[in-house]
């Protein structure tokens, strides 16, 4: 089986919206208790096929690149025009959509859903439908 480096695991967890802590704490009947919140992603990362590693690295690099572009765009948020260059007012939305596309590819590769409690998704206005 392929082995992700610890740094690769950090990047994958980050893009998929999972924690980068050993265990999270919650309350069970009023008492703090440690819980394993990400057994799905950890299991997938530990069982990656050797031949899937180049694809994983390609997708993570794309996620990193789009995330970097979003960071660089922050400086232009208050600008609509710079000289004769007009800045697309929907650029941030387009970058978010591109980022989400690459995270979905990562999710497909790992067979693990993106963390539905990822706070970045709330900021992007993504809602989950409740059934039942």
N, C-alpha and C. Protein backbone atom coordinates (compact mmCIF):
# COMPACT_ATOMS: atom_id res chain seq x y z
N UNK A 1 0.83 -1.19 0.00
CA UNK A 1 0.00 0.00 0.00
C UNK A 1 0.87 1.26 0.00
N UNK A 2 0.35 2.28 -0.60
CA UNK A 2 1.07 3.55 -0.67
C UNK A 2 1.02 4.25 0.68
N UNK A 3 2.01 5.05 0.89
CA UNK A 3 2.05 5.79 2.15
C UNK A 3 2.15 7.28 1.86
N UNK A 4 1.15 8.01 2.33
CA UNK A 4 1.21 9.47 2.25
C UNK A 4 2.21 9.93 3.30
N UNK A 5 2.90 11.00 2.99
CA UNK A 5 3.76 11.60 4.01
C UNK A 5 2.85 12.30 5.03
N UNK A 6 3.35 12.54 6.22
CA UNK A 6 2.53 13.28 7.19
C UNK A 6 2.09 14.65 6.66
N UNK A 7 2.95 15.31 5.90
CA UNK A 7 2.60 16.63 5.33
C UNK A 7 1.49 16.49 4.29
N UNK A 8 1.51 15.43 3.50
CA UNK A 8 0.44 15.22 2.52
C UNK A 8 -0.89 14.97 3.22
N UNK A 9 -0.85 14.22 4.31
CA UNK A 9 -2.08 13.96 5.06
C UNK A 9 -2.65 15.27 5.62
N UNK A 10 -1.78 16.16 6.08
CA UNK A 10 -2.23 17.46 6.59
C UNK A 10 -2.95 18.22 5.49
N UNK A 11 -2.38 18.26 4.29
CA UNK A 11 -2.98 19.00 3.17
C UNK A 11 -4.32 18.39 2.76
N UNK A 12 -4.38 17.06 2.71
CA UNK A 12 -5.63 16.39 2.34
C UNK A 12 -6.71 16.69 3.38
N UNK A 13 -6.38 16.54 4.66
CA UNK A 13 -7.36 16.85 5.71
C UNK A 13 -7.83 18.29 5.60
N UNK A 14 -6.90 19.19 5.37
CA UNK A 14 -7.26 20.61 5.25
C UNK A 14 -8.26 20.83 4.12
N UNK A 15 -7.94 20.34 2.94
CA UNK A 15 -8.83 20.57 1.80
C UNK A 15 -10.18 19.88 1.95
N UNK A 16 -10.20 18.74 2.62
CA UNK A 16 -11.45 18.01 2.81
C UNK A 16 -12.24 18.52 4.02
N UNK A 17 -11.65 19.45 4.79
CA UNK A 17 -12.36 20.05 5.91
C UNK A 17 -12.33 19.23 7.18
N UNK A 18 -11.37 18.32 7.30
CA UNK A 18 -11.25 17.51 8.50
C UNK A 18 -10.22 18.11 9.45
N UNK A 19 -10.31 17.71 10.70
CA UNK A 19 -9.42 18.22 11.73
C UNK A 19 -8.00 17.69 11.56
N UNK A 20 -7.06 18.46 12.03
CA UNK A 20 -5.67 18.03 12.08
C UNK A 20 -5.24 17.94 13.54
N UNK A 21 -6.06 17.23 14.32
CA UNK A 21 -5.77 16.98 15.73
C UNK A 21 -5.91 15.49 15.97
N UNK A 22 -5.26 15.00 17.03
CA UNK A 22 -5.29 13.57 17.33
C UNK A 22 -6.70 13.10 17.71
N UNK A 23 -7.37 13.87 18.54
CA UNK A 23 -8.76 13.54 18.85
C UNK A 23 -9.49 14.80 19.27
N UNK A 24 -10.77 14.81 18.98
CA UNK A 24 -11.61 15.95 19.34
C UNK A 24 -12.36 15.61 20.62
N UNK A 25 -12.85 16.62 21.28
CA UNK A 25 -13.57 16.38 22.52
C UNK A 25 -15.02 16.84 22.39
N UNK A 26 -15.88 16.10 23.01
CA UNK A 26 -17.28 16.43 23.06
C UNK A 26 -17.77 16.09 24.46
N UNK A 27 -19.01 16.34 24.73
CA UNK A 27 -19.56 16.00 26.03
C UNK A 27 -20.51 14.83 25.88
N UNK A 28 -20.33 13.82 26.71
CA UNK A 28 -21.22 12.68 26.76
C UNK A 28 -21.81 12.63 28.16
N UNK A 29 -23.09 12.86 28.24
CA UNK A 29 -23.79 12.91 29.53
C UNK A 29 -23.12 13.88 30.49
N UNK A 30 -22.69 15.03 29.97
CA UNK A 30 -22.11 16.08 30.79
C UNK A 30 -20.64 15.91 31.12
N UNK A 31 -20.02 14.86 30.62
CA UNK A 31 -18.61 14.60 30.90
C UNK A 31 -17.81 14.72 29.61
N UNK A 32 -16.68 15.46 29.63
CA UNK A 32 -15.85 15.54 28.42
C UNK A 32 -15.37 14.15 28.00
N UNK A 33 -15.45 13.87 26.71
CA UNK A 33 -15.01 12.57 26.20
C UNK A 33 -14.32 12.76 24.86
N UNK A 34 -13.25 12.04 24.65
CA UNK A 34 -12.55 12.08 23.37
C UNK A 34 -13.29 11.23 22.35
N UNK A 35 -13.38 11.72 21.13
CA UNK A 35 -14.04 10.96 20.06
C UNK A 35 -13.17 10.99 18.81
N UNK A 36 -13.20 9.90 18.09
CA UNK A 36 -12.50 9.83 16.80
C UNK A 36 -13.48 10.35 15.76
N UNK A 37 -13.22 11.51 15.20
CA UNK A 37 -14.17 12.15 14.30
C UNK A 37 -13.86 11.91 12.84
N UNK A 38 -12.74 11.32 12.53
CA UNK A 38 -12.35 11.25 11.13
C UNK A 38 -11.79 9.90 10.72
N UNK A 39 -12.40 8.84 11.25
CA UNK A 39 -11.92 7.51 10.92
C UNK A 39 -12.03 7.23 9.42
N UNK A 40 -13.02 7.81 8.74
CA UNK A 40 -13.18 7.57 7.30
C UNK A 40 -11.97 8.06 6.51
N UNK A 41 -11.58 9.31 6.73
CA UNK A 41 -10.49 9.86 5.94
C UNK A 41 -9.15 9.24 6.34
N UNK A 42 -8.96 8.97 7.62
CA UNK A 42 -7.71 8.35 8.05
C UNK A 42 -7.57 6.95 7.46
N UNK A 43 -8.65 6.21 7.47
CA UNK A 43 -8.63 4.87 6.90
C UNK A 43 -8.31 4.91 5.41
N UNK A 44 -8.94 5.85 4.70
CA UNK A 44 -8.70 5.97 3.25
C UNK A 44 -7.25 6.36 2.98
N UNK A 45 -6.72 7.30 3.74
CA UNK A 45 -5.33 7.72 3.54
C UNK A 45 -4.35 6.58 3.82
N UNK A 46 -4.69 5.72 4.76
CA UNK A 46 -3.82 4.60 5.10
C UNK A 46 -3.94 3.43 4.12
N UNK A 47 -5.00 3.41 3.30
CA UNK A 47 -5.20 2.31 2.36
C UNK A 47 -5.05 2.71 0.90
N UNK A 48 -4.48 3.87 0.64
CA UNK A 48 -4.32 4.31 -0.74
C UNK A 48 -3.47 3.32 -1.54
N UNK A 49 -3.87 3.09 -2.75
CA UNK A 49 -3.09 2.24 -3.64
C UNK A 49 -1.85 2.99 -4.11
N UNK A 50 -0.76 2.28 -4.31
CA UNK A 50 0.48 2.91 -4.80
C UNK A 50 0.23 3.68 -6.09
N UNK A 51 -0.53 3.09 -6.98
CA UNK A 51 -0.75 3.73 -8.28
C UNK A 51 -1.65 4.96 -8.21
N UNK A 52 -2.30 5.20 -7.07
CA UNK A 52 -3.15 6.39 -6.95
C UNK A 52 -2.40 7.60 -6.41
N UNK A 53 -1.20 7.40 -5.91
CA UNK A 53 -0.44 8.51 -5.31
C UNK A 53 -0.17 9.66 -6.27
N UNK A 54 0.23 9.41 -7.52
CA UNK A 54 0.44 10.56 -8.43
C UNK A 54 -0.84 11.38 -8.63
N UNK A 55 -1.98 10.69 -8.72
CA UNK A 55 -3.25 11.40 -8.89
C UNK A 55 -3.61 12.19 -7.64
N UNK A 56 -3.39 11.60 -6.47
CA UNK A 56 -3.65 12.32 -5.21
C UNK A 56 -2.79 13.58 -5.16
N UNK A 57 -1.52 13.46 -5.49
CA UNK A 57 -0.62 14.62 -5.44
C UNK A 57 -1.01 15.68 -6.46
N UNK A 58 -1.47 15.26 -7.64
CA UNK A 58 -1.92 16.21 -8.67
C UNK A 58 -3.14 16.99 -8.19
N UNK A 59 -4.10 16.29 -7.59
CA UNK A 59 -5.33 16.94 -7.12
C UNK A 59 -5.03 17.87 -5.94
N UNK A 60 -4.20 17.43 -5.01
CA UNK A 60 -3.86 18.28 -3.86
C UNK A 60 -3.12 19.53 -4.33
N UNK A 61 -2.23 19.37 -5.33
CA UNK A 61 -1.51 20.53 -5.88
C UNK A 61 -2.49 21.51 -6.52
N UNK A 62 -3.51 21.00 -7.20
CA UNK A 62 -4.52 21.88 -7.81
C UNK A 62 -5.31 22.61 -6.72
N UNK A 63 -5.68 21.90 -5.66
CA UNK A 63 -6.39 22.53 -4.54
C UNK A 63 -5.52 23.63 -3.92
N UNK A 64 -4.24 23.32 -3.71
CA UNK A 64 -3.31 24.31 -3.16
C UNK A 64 -3.22 25.54 -4.05
N UNK A 65 -3.14 25.31 -5.37
CA UNK A 65 -2.99 26.41 -6.31
C UNK A 65 -4.22 27.32 -6.32
N UNK A 66 -5.40 26.74 -6.35
CA UNK A 66 -6.62 27.55 -6.36
C UNK A 66 -6.78 28.28 -5.03
N UNK A 67 -6.44 27.62 -3.94
CA UNK A 67 -6.51 28.27 -2.63
C UNK A 67 -5.55 29.47 -2.58
N UNK A 68 -4.37 29.31 -3.15
CA UNK A 68 -3.40 30.41 -3.21
C UNK A 68 -3.95 31.58 -4.04
N UNK A 69 -4.61 31.25 -5.15
CA UNK A 69 -5.21 32.30 -5.98
C UNK A 69 -6.29 33.04 -5.21
N UNK A 70 -7.06 32.33 -4.39
CA UNK A 70 -8.09 32.98 -3.58
C UNK A 70 -7.45 33.93 -2.57
N UNK A 71 -6.32 33.51 -1.99
CA UNK A 71 -5.61 34.39 -1.05
C UNK A 71 -5.08 35.64 -1.75
N UNK A 72 -4.55 35.46 -2.94
CA UNK A 72 -4.02 36.61 -3.69
C UNK A 72 -5.14 37.55 -4.13
N UNK A 73 -6.33 37.01 -4.37
CA UNK A 73 -7.45 37.81 -4.80
C UNK A 73 -7.96 38.72 -3.69
N UNK A 74 -7.70 38.37 -2.44
CA UNK A 74 -8.17 39.16 -1.29
C UNK A 74 -7.78 40.63 -1.45
N UNK A 75 -6.58 40.89 -1.97
CA UNK A 75 -6.13 42.27 -2.15
C UNK A 75 -7.00 43.04 -3.14
N UNK A 76 -7.63 42.33 -4.07
CA UNK A 76 -8.43 42.99 -5.10
C UNK A 76 -9.90 43.08 -4.75
N UNK A 77 -10.30 42.63 -3.58
CA UNK A 77 -11.72 42.61 -3.23
C UNK A 77 -12.37 43.98 -3.29
N UNK A 78 -11.65 45.01 -2.91
CA UNK A 78 -12.21 46.36 -2.91
C UNK A 78 -11.99 47.11 -4.20
N UNK A 79 -11.42 46.47 -5.22
CA UNK A 79 -11.09 47.15 -6.48
C UNK A 79 -11.94 46.56 -7.60
N UNK A 80 -12.52 47.42 -8.40
CA UNK A 80 -13.27 46.93 -9.56
C UNK A 80 -12.53 47.23 -10.86
N UNK A 81 -11.63 48.23 -10.79
CA UNK A 81 -10.89 48.60 -12.00
C UNK A 81 -9.54 49.15 -11.59
N UNK A 82 -8.52 48.76 -12.32
CA UNK A 82 -7.16 49.22 -12.07
C UNK A 82 -6.59 49.68 -13.40
N UNK A 83 -6.60 50.98 -13.60
CA UNK A 83 -6.20 51.51 -14.91
C UNK A 83 -7.20 51.06 -15.95
N UNK A 84 -6.71 50.38 -16.97
CA UNK A 84 -7.62 49.88 -18.00
C UNK A 84 -8.03 48.42 -17.75
N UNK A 85 -7.52 47.86 -16.67
CA UNK A 85 -7.84 46.47 -16.34
C UNK A 85 -9.06 46.45 -15.45
N UNK A 86 -10.08 45.73 -15.90
CA UNK A 86 -11.30 45.59 -15.10
C UNK A 86 -11.27 44.22 -14.43
N UNK A 87 -11.52 44.21 -13.12
CA UNK A 87 -11.49 42.97 -12.35
C UNK A 87 -12.89 42.37 -12.34
N UNK A 88 -12.95 41.10 -12.68
CA UNK A 88 -14.22 40.38 -12.73
C UNK A 88 -14.85 40.36 -11.33
N UNK A 89 -16.05 40.94 -11.17
CA UNK A 89 -16.67 40.98 -9.84
C UNK A 89 -17.05 39.59 -9.33
N UNK A 90 -17.12 38.61 -10.21
CA UNK A 90 -17.48 37.26 -9.80
C UNK A 90 -16.27 36.34 -9.68
N UNK A 91 -15.07 36.92 -9.67
CA UNK A 91 -13.86 36.11 -9.62
C UNK A 91 -13.79 35.26 -8.36
N UNK A 92 -14.13 35.83 -7.23
CA UNK A 92 -14.08 35.08 -5.98
C UNK A 92 -15.02 33.88 -6.05
N UNK A 93 -16.21 34.09 -6.57
CA UNK A 93 -17.19 33.02 -6.71
C UNK A 93 -16.68 31.94 -7.68
N UNK A 94 -16.04 32.36 -8.76
CA UNK A 94 -15.49 31.41 -9.73
C UNK A 94 -14.35 30.60 -9.14
N UNK A 95 -13.50 31.26 -8.36
CA UNK A 95 -12.40 30.55 -7.71
C UNK A 95 -12.94 29.55 -6.69
N UNK A 96 -13.95 29.94 -5.92
CA UNK A 96 -14.56 29.04 -4.95
C UNK A 96 -15.15 27.81 -5.65
N UNK A 97 -15.81 28.05 -6.77
CA UNK A 97 -16.39 26.95 -7.54
C UNK A 97 -15.30 26.01 -8.06
N UNK A 98 -14.20 26.57 -8.53
CA UNK A 98 -13.08 25.76 -9.02
C UNK A 98 -12.46 24.97 -7.87
N UNK A 99 -12.31 25.61 -6.72
CA UNK A 99 -11.77 24.92 -5.54
C UNK A 99 -12.68 23.76 -5.15
N UNK A 100 -13.97 24.01 -5.10
CA UNK A 100 -14.93 22.96 -4.73
C UNK A 100 -14.88 21.80 -5.73
N UNK A 101 -14.64 22.10 -6.99
CA UNK A 101 -14.53 21.05 -8.02
C UNK A 101 -13.34 20.14 -7.73
N UNK A 102 -12.20 20.73 -7.36
CA UNK A 102 -11.01 19.94 -7.07
C UNK A 102 -11.16 19.17 -5.76
N UNK A 103 -11.82 19.77 -4.77
CA UNK A 103 -12.06 19.05 -3.51
C UNK A 103 -12.99 17.86 -3.77
N UNK A 104 -13.96 18.04 -4.66
CA UNK A 104 -14.85 16.93 -5.03
C UNK A 104 -14.05 15.81 -5.70
N UNK A 105 -13.06 16.16 -6.52
CA UNK A 105 -12.20 15.15 -7.14
C UNK A 105 -11.41 14.40 -6.08
N UNK A 106 -10.94 15.11 -5.08
CA UNK A 106 -10.21 14.50 -3.97
C UNK A 106 -11.15 13.57 -3.20
N UNK A 107 -12.35 14.01 -2.97
CA UNK A 107 -13.36 13.19 -2.29
C UNK A 107 -13.63 11.91 -3.07
N UNK A 108 -13.75 12.03 -4.39
CA UNK A 108 -13.98 10.85 -5.23
C UNK A 108 -12.81 9.89 -5.18
N UNK A 109 -11.60 10.41 -5.23
CA UNK A 109 -10.41 9.57 -5.21
C UNK A 109 -10.33 8.77 -3.91
N UNK A 110 -10.65 9.42 -2.80
CA UNK A 110 -10.55 8.78 -1.49
C UNK A 110 -11.79 7.96 -1.13
N UNK A 111 -12.91 8.25 -1.78
CA UNK A 111 -14.15 7.58 -1.42
C UNK A 111 -14.67 8.05 -0.07
N UNK A 112 -14.37 9.31 0.24
CA UNK A 112 -14.73 9.89 1.53
C UNK A 112 -15.44 11.22 1.27
N UNK A 113 -16.58 11.45 1.90
CA UNK A 113 -17.26 12.74 1.70
C UNK A 113 -16.50 13.87 2.37
N UNK A 114 -16.65 15.05 1.81
CA UNK A 114 -16.10 16.25 2.44
C UNK A 114 -16.79 16.40 3.80
N UNK A 115 -16.06 16.89 4.77
CA UNK A 115 -16.62 17.06 6.10
C UNK A 115 -17.80 18.03 6.04
N UNK A 116 -19.01 17.56 6.35
CA UNK A 116 -20.18 18.45 6.27
C UNK A 116 -20.17 19.56 7.32
N UNK A 117 -19.29 19.45 8.31
CA UNK A 117 -19.19 20.48 9.35
C UNK A 117 -18.06 21.47 9.07
N UNK A 118 -17.48 21.41 7.88
CA UNK A 118 -16.42 22.34 7.49
C UNK A 118 -16.98 23.76 7.50
N UNK A 119 -16.44 24.60 8.35
CA UNK A 119 -16.95 25.97 8.50
C UNK A 119 -16.78 26.80 7.24
N UNK A 120 -15.83 26.46 6.38
CA UNK A 120 -15.66 27.21 5.13
C UNK A 120 -16.87 27.03 4.23
N UNK A 121 -17.54 25.90 4.31
CA UNK A 121 -18.72 25.67 3.49
C UNK A 121 -19.87 26.56 3.94
N UNK A 122 -19.97 26.81 5.24
CA UNK A 122 -21.01 27.71 5.76
C UNK A 122 -20.79 29.12 5.24
N UNK A 123 -19.51 29.54 5.19
CA UNK A 123 -19.18 30.89 4.72
C UNK A 123 -19.49 31.02 3.23
N UNK A 124 -19.40 29.92 2.50
CA UNK A 124 -19.66 29.95 1.06
C UNK A 124 -21.16 29.84 0.78
N UNK A 125 -21.96 29.66 1.83
CA UNK A 125 -23.40 29.60 1.66
C UNK A 125 -23.90 28.24 1.22
N UNK A 126 -23.16 27.18 1.52
CA UNK A 126 -23.57 25.84 1.13
C UNK A 126 -24.44 25.28 2.24
N UNK A 127 -25.59 24.78 1.85
CA UNK A 127 -26.52 24.19 2.83
C UNK A 127 -26.71 22.72 2.50
N UNK A 128 -26.92 21.94 3.51
CA UNK A 128 -27.21 20.52 3.32
C UNK A 128 -28.71 20.30 3.53
N UNK A 129 -29.30 19.48 2.69
CA UNK A 129 -30.71 19.16 2.80
C UNK A 129 -30.89 18.10 3.87
N UNK A 130 -31.91 18.27 4.70
CA UNK A 130 -32.19 17.32 5.76
C UNK A 130 -33.40 16.50 5.34
N UNK A 131 -33.27 15.19 5.45
CA UNK A 131 -34.39 14.31 5.12
C UNK A 131 -34.77 13.51 6.34
N UNK A 132 -36.01 13.12 6.39
CA UNK A 132 -36.39 12.23 7.50
C UNK A 132 -37.66 12.60 8.16
